[in-house]
Protein backbone atom coordinates (compact mmCIF):
# COMPACT_ATOMS: atom_id res chain seq x y z
CA UNK A 1 23.09 28.31 6.99
CA UNK A 2 23.56 25.00 9.07
CA UNK A 3 26.75 23.17 9.26
CA UNK A 4 25.12 20.28 7.61
CA UNK A 5 24.40 22.57 4.56
CA UNK A 6 28.05 23.57 4.55
CA UNK A 7 29.53 20.14 4.86
CA UNK A 8 27.09 17.55 3.33
CA UNK A 9 27.35 14.07 4.68
CA UNK A 10 28.66 11.25 2.26
CA UNK A 11 26.71 8.24 3.00
CA UNK A 12 26.27 4.74 1.56
CA UNK A 13 23.06 4.68 -0.41
CA UNK A 14 22.09 1.42 1.43
CA UNK A 15 20.85 3.38 4.58
CA UNK A 16 17.94 4.02 2.12
CA UNK A 17 16.93 0.30 1.51
CA UNK A 18 15.26 -0.66 -1.66
CA UNK A 19 15.28 2.98 -2.76
CA UNK A 20 19.17 2.97 -2.96
CA UNK A 21 21.78 2.68 -5.89
CA UNK A 22 24.55 0.40 -4.56
CA UNK A 23 26.90 1.65 -7.55
CA UNK A 24 27.65 5.02 -6.06
CA UNK A 25 28.02 7.05 -2.91
CA UNK A 26 25.62 9.99 -2.53
CA UNK A 27 26.28 13.60 -1.22
CA UNK A 28 23.43 13.85 1.18
CA UNK A 29 21.66 17.11 1.96
CA UNK A 30 19.13 16.01 4.50
CA UNK A 31 16.16 14.62 2.41
CA UNK A 32 18.00 14.95 -0.94
CA UNK A 33 21.20 13.64 -2.31
CA UNK A 34 23.15 13.49 -5.52
CA UNK A 35 25.72 11.11 -6.95
CA UNK A 36 28.10 11.58 -10.10
CA UNK A 37 29.05 8.66 -12.08
CA UNK A 38 32.30 8.10 -14.32
CA UNK A 39 30.41 9.04 -17.24
CA UNK A 40 29.48 12.56 -15.64
CA UNK A 41 25.92 11.55 -15.43
CA UNK A 42 24.26 13.11 -12.00
CA UNK A 43 21.48 11.50 -10.05
CA UNK A 44 19.33 13.55 -7.78
CA UNK A 45 17.71 11.42 -5.49
CA UNK A 46 14.71 12.71 -3.35
CA UNK A 47 14.55 10.29 -0.32
CA UNK A 48 12.41 11.89 2.32
CA UNK A 49 10.74 8.66 3.75
CA UNK A 50 8.92 10.26 6.50
CA UNK A 51 7.56 13.22 4.42
CA UNK A 52 7.35 11.23 1.04
CA UNK A 53 8.94 13.88 -0.76
CA UNK A 54 6.21 16.66 -0.06
CA UNK A 55 7.60 20.23 -0.38
CA UNK A 56 7.87 21.35 3.05
CA UNK A 57 10.28 24.27 3.63
CA UNK A 58 13.23 21.87 4.63
CA UNK A 59 12.62 19.76 1.58
CA UNK A 60 12.64 22.65 -0.68
CA UNK A 61 15.76 24.01 1.14
CA UNK A 62 17.62 20.51 0.82
CA UNK A 63 16.66 20.39 -2.92
CA UNK A 64 17.95 23.77 -3.73
CA UNK A 65 21.07 23.14 -2.13
CA UNK A 66 21.60 20.01 -4.07
CA UNK A 67 20.76 21.70 -7.17
CA UNK A 68 23.40 24.23 -6.34
CA UNK A 69 26.06 21.65 -5.86
CA UNK A 70 25.01 19.56 -9.05
CA UNK A 71 25.17 22.89 -10.92
CA UNK A 72 28.62 23.52 -9.59
CA UNK A 73 29.94 20.12 -10.87
CA UNK A 74 28.18 20.97 -14.39
CA UNK A 75 27.46 17.26 -15.43
CA UNK A 76 26.36 16.34 -18.88
CA UNK A 77 22.86 15.28 -17.73
CA UNK A 78 20.84 14.67 -14.84
CA UNK A 79 18.47 11.79 -13.63
CA UNK A 80 15.88 13.15 -11.01
CA UNK A 81 14.46 10.41 -9.17
CA UNK A 82 12.37 9.86 -5.86
CA UNK A 83 11.18 6.80 -3.80
CA UNK A 84 9.97 3.86 -5.24
CA UNK A 85 6.49 4.46 -3.78
CA UNK A 86 6.41 8.38 -4.19
CA UNK A 87 8.42 10.61 -6.71
CA UNK A 88 7.01 13.76 -4.99
CA UNK A 89 3.91 14.69 -2.99
CA UNK A 90 3.64 18.46 -3.63
CA UNK A 91 3.18 21.17 -1.23
CA UNK A 92 2.74 20.23 2.37
CA UNK A 93 -0.12 21.58 4.78
CA UNK A 94 1.99 24.28 6.24
CA UNK A 95 3.04 25.73 3.17
CA UNK A 96 -0.60 25.55 1.64
CA UNK A 97 -1.92 27.46 5.02
CA UNK A 98 0.88 30.16 4.38
CA UNK A 99 -0.42 30.49 0.87
CA UNK A 100 -3.98 30.91 1.86
CA UNK A 101 -2.91 33.39 4.72
CA UNK A 102 -0.85 35.43 2.10
CA UNK A 103 2.34 34.80 3.92
CA UNK A 104 4.25 33.64 0.66
CA UNK A 105 3.33 33.45 -2.82
CA UNK A 106 3.69 30.57 -5.22
CA UNK A 107 6.57 32.14 -7.06
CA UNK A 108 8.43 31.70 -3.67
CA UNK A 109 8.60 27.98 -4.77
CA UNK A 110 11.30 28.26 -7.23
CA UNK A 111 11.96 24.71 -8.22
CA UNK A 112 10.20 24.84 -11.23
CA UNK A 113 12.44 27.70 -12.69
CA UNK A 114 15.56 26.34 -11.37
CA UNK A 115 14.92 22.78 -13.10
CA UNK A 116 13.78 24.74 -16.54
CA UNK A 117 16.85 27.03 -16.34
CA UNK A 118 19.35 24.27 -15.68
CA UNK A 119 22.29 24.14 -18.30
CA UNK A 120 21.84 20.22 -18.65
CA UNK A 121 19.11 18.00 -19.73
CA UNK A 122 17.13 16.59 -16.64
CA UNK A 123 15.35 13.30 -17.03
CA UNK A 124 12.68 12.60 -14.42
CA UNK A 125 12.36 8.84 -13.61
CA UNK A 126 9.15 8.65 -11.83
CA UNK A 127 8.82 4.99 -10.17
CA UNK A 128 6.36 6.29 -7.64
CA UNK A 129 3.45 8.73 -7.27
CA UNK A 130 3.55 12.08 -8.31
CA UNK A 131 0.84 14.85 -7.28
CA UNK A 132 0.41 18.43 -7.76
CA UNK A 133 3.62 20.20 -7.57
CA UNK A 134 5.54 16.92 -7.33
CA UNK A 135 4.13 16.00 -11.02
CA UNK A 136 4.99 19.68 -11.99
CA UNK A 137 8.47 19.29 -11.28
CA UNK A 138 8.45 16.34 -13.82
CA UNK A 139 6.98 18.63 -16.44
CA UNK A 140 9.98 20.91 -15.89
CA UNK A 141 12.20 18.45 -17.24
CA UNK A 142 13.32 17.58 -20.64
CA UNK A 143 12.27 13.88 -20.61
CA UNK A 144 9.84 12.06 -18.49
CA UNK A 145 9.40 8.48 -17.73
CA UNK A 146 6.47 7.33 -15.71
CA UNK A 147 5.48 3.97 -13.85
CA UNK A 148 2.29 2.03 -15.19
CA UNK A 149 1.70 1.21 -11.71
CA UNK A 150 1.89 4.65 -10.14
CA UNK A 151 -0.84 7.39 -9.90
CA UNK A 152 -0.20 11.03 -11.24
CA UNK A 153 -2.37 13.91 -10.96
CA UNK A 154 -2.82 17.97 -10.66
CA UNK A 155 -4.71 17.54 -7.61
CA UNK A 156 -4.94 21.59 -6.74
CA UNK A 157 -8.68 21.75 -7.39
CA UNK A 158 -9.26 18.95 -4.67
CA UNK A 159 -7.96 21.22 -2.09
CA UNK A 160 -10.02 24.12 -3.04
CA UNK A 161 -7.71 26.44 -5.01
CA UNK A 162 -6.47 26.79 -8.57
CA UNK A 163 -3.34 24.97 -10.15
CA UNK A 164 0.05 26.46 -9.52
CA UNK A 165 3.83 26.05 -10.21
CA UNK A 166 3.23 26.38 -14.04
CA UNK A 167 0.81 23.79 -14.28
CA UNK A 168 -1.77 25.67 -16.61
CA UNK A 169 0.48 25.87 -19.30
CA UNK A 170 3.39 23.27 -18.85
CA UNK A 171 0.72 20.37 -18.27
CA UNK A 172 -0.43 20.36 -21.99
CA UNK A 173 2.83 19.79 -23.39
CA UNK A 174 2.91 16.38 -21.67
CA UNK A 175 -0.64 15.14 -22.04
CA UNK A 176 -2.45 17.44 -24.59
CA UNK A 177 -5.02 20.29 -23.94
CA UNK A 178 -8.16 18.52 -23.46
CA UNK A 179 -6.85 15.94 -21.26
CA UNK A 180 -4.78 18.58 -19.43
CA UNK A 181 -7.98 20.25 -18.85
CA UNK A 182 -9.64 17.15 -17.58
CA UNK A 183 -6.73 16.47 -15.06
CA UNK A 184 -6.83 20.09 -13.84
CA UNK A 185 -10.72 20.61 -13.32
CA UNK A 186 -11.32 16.99 -11.83
CA UNK A 187 -8.11 16.68 -9.82
CA UNK A 188 -8.52 12.93 -10.72
CA UNK A 189 -5.37 10.63 -10.24
CA UNK A 190 -4.61 8.69 -13.19
CA UNK A 191 -2.45 5.39 -13.12
CA UNK A 192 0.33 5.44 -15.74
CA UNK A 193 -1.39 2.72 -17.65
CA UNK A 194 -4.59 4.91 -18.10
CA UNK A 195 -2.57 7.75 -19.44
CA UNK A 196 -0.49 5.38 -21.73
CA UNK A 197 -3.89 4.55 -23.18
CA UNK A 198 -4.81 8.16 -23.77
CA UNK A 199 -1.50 8.54 -26.09
CA UNK A 200 0.16 11.35 -24.29
CA UNK A 201 3.40 12.88 -24.81
CA UNK A 202 5.16 11.22 -22.08
CA UNK A 203 8.21 9.78 -23.40
CA UNK A 204 7.85 6.41 -21.73
CA UNK A 205 5.29 4.91 -19.25
CA UNK A 206 6.73 1.43 -18.28
CA UNK A 207 6.54 -1.19 -15.49
CA UNK A 208 7.86 0.26 -12.32
CA UNK A 209 10.82 -1.95 -12.37
CA UNK A 210 11.97 -0.58 -15.72
CA UNK A 211 11.72 2.98 -15.10
CA UNK A 212 15.48 3.59 -13.79
CA UNK A 213 16.99 1.43 -16.31
CA UNK A 214 15.31 3.28 -19.17
CA UNK A 215 16.39 6.56 -17.52
CA UNK A 216 20.35 5.19 -17.07
CA UNK A 217 20.23 4.16 -20.74
CA UNK A 218 18.67 7.67 -22.06
CA UNK A 219 21.23 9.41 -19.81
CA UNK A 220 24.28 7.47 -21.17
CA UNK A 221 23.16 8.11 -24.94
CA UNK A 222 23.22 11.91 -23.90
CA UNK A 223 26.25 11.72 -21.96
CA UNK A 224 28.26 10.41 -25.13
CA UNK A 225 27.42 13.44 -26.95
CA UNK A 226 29.62 16.69 -27.24
CA UNK A 227 28.56 18.46 -23.87
CA UNK A 228 28.85 21.98 -25.41
CA UNK A 229 26.51 21.08 -28.29
CA UNK A 230 24.11 19.33 -25.59
CA UNK A 231 24.02 22.62 -23.50
CA UNK A 232 23.47 24.81 -26.47
CA UNK A 233 20.50 22.36 -27.55
CA UNK A 234 19.06 22.48 -24.05
CA UNK A 235 19.19 26.35 -23.87
CA UNK A 236 17.17 26.39 -27.20
CA UNK A 237 14.82 23.73 -26.34
CA UNK A 238 13.99 25.00 -22.96
CA UNK A 239 13.25 28.78 -24.35
CA UNK A 240 9.61 27.98 -25.21
CA UNK A 241 8.90 26.31 -21.94
CA UNK A 242 10.66 29.22 -20.04
CA UNK A 243 8.14 31.49 -21.64
CA UNK A 244 5.21 28.98 -20.79
CA UNK A 245 6.13 29.33 -17.19
CA UNK A 246 6.40 33.06 -17.23
CA UNK A 247 2.96 33.29 -18.79
CA UNK A 248 1.48 30.73 -16.36
CA UNK A 249 3.00 32.78 -13.46
CA UNK A 250 1.14 35.89 -14.47
CA UNK A 251 -2.44 34.13 -14.68
CA UNK A 252 -1.75 31.62 -11.74
CA UNK A 253 -0.63 34.45 -9.16
CA UNK A 254 -3.81 36.34 -10.03
CA UNK A 255 -6.11 33.37 -9.47
CA UNK A 256 -4.15 32.43 -6.46
CA UNK A 257 -4.62 35.76 -4.92
CA UNK A 258 -8.39 35.13 -5.37
CA UNK A 259 -8.77 31.47 -4.62
CA UNK A 260 -6.54 31.38 -1.69
CA UNK A 261 -8.65 34.34 -0.32
CA UNK A 262 -11.91 32.61 -0.35
CA UNK A 263 -12.56 31.46 3.33
CA UNK A 264 -13.62 28.04 2.36
CA UNK A 265 -10.12 27.31 0.77
CA UNK A 266 -8.55 27.16 4.14
CA UNK A 267 -11.38 24.81 5.52
CA UNK A 268 -11.02 22.50 2.71
CA UNK A 269 -7.27 22.24 3.27
CA UNK A 270 -7.51 22.02 6.86
CA UNK A 271 -10.25 19.03 6.61
CA UNK A 272 -7.97 17.24 3.93
CA UNK A 273 -5.23 17.15 6.23
CA UNK A 274 -6.90 16.38 9.62
CA UNK A 275 -5.75 13.42 11.26
């Protein structure tokens, strides 16, 4: 493990420009940071400006390091946020090509399980776009706040392979089964306001400028409750989602073994990332 991992930097959020929260100091682990306020509300901030929060190996390592640190602190509630432009872009080309070559399997990408298994509630505050696995991490949270202006999609089929990371069972809970089917089959990217018109189960779909404020308000309401009872409730409410994720992995691993093995899949991925 690198020296940076053992001794994360404490940095002023102002270095992240408009995506910063000036009220706190962030503990920085490369591309992901976290803060803790006086109410014991933690904020995990994904701020890989260059990579737009795609799941590169380095980004996933940083994210899991932050999650380890946050779990050690044991906050009352967590707000998960990204850049104002992009919440998360999902897997990068290198990871997809490794999947296609059989070097790794999707269950190696453990962010889904880690978020669902957190002891504390997680609020996903999606100011920006979220695609593929980047959208799935919001599905693994307890409360979802989306932006009317941003686009959201499960774009796996656009890249030639079947959905993963629990999408096939978790997406229905957020948008309903038939809309979930449409999103997965077509790979279409929906603006938040389009999803709002479809009456999904996403908690709030707001103007981008209101997303973080709503997340902070909800987090404060949760933080005021008995933390031991909150954790008990989280354990109970997360149990069905844990089973859904387990069920999804059984079928998704089987589908991936086939779809990533198709020779055209590698070509589609290569063509999409060309240039």
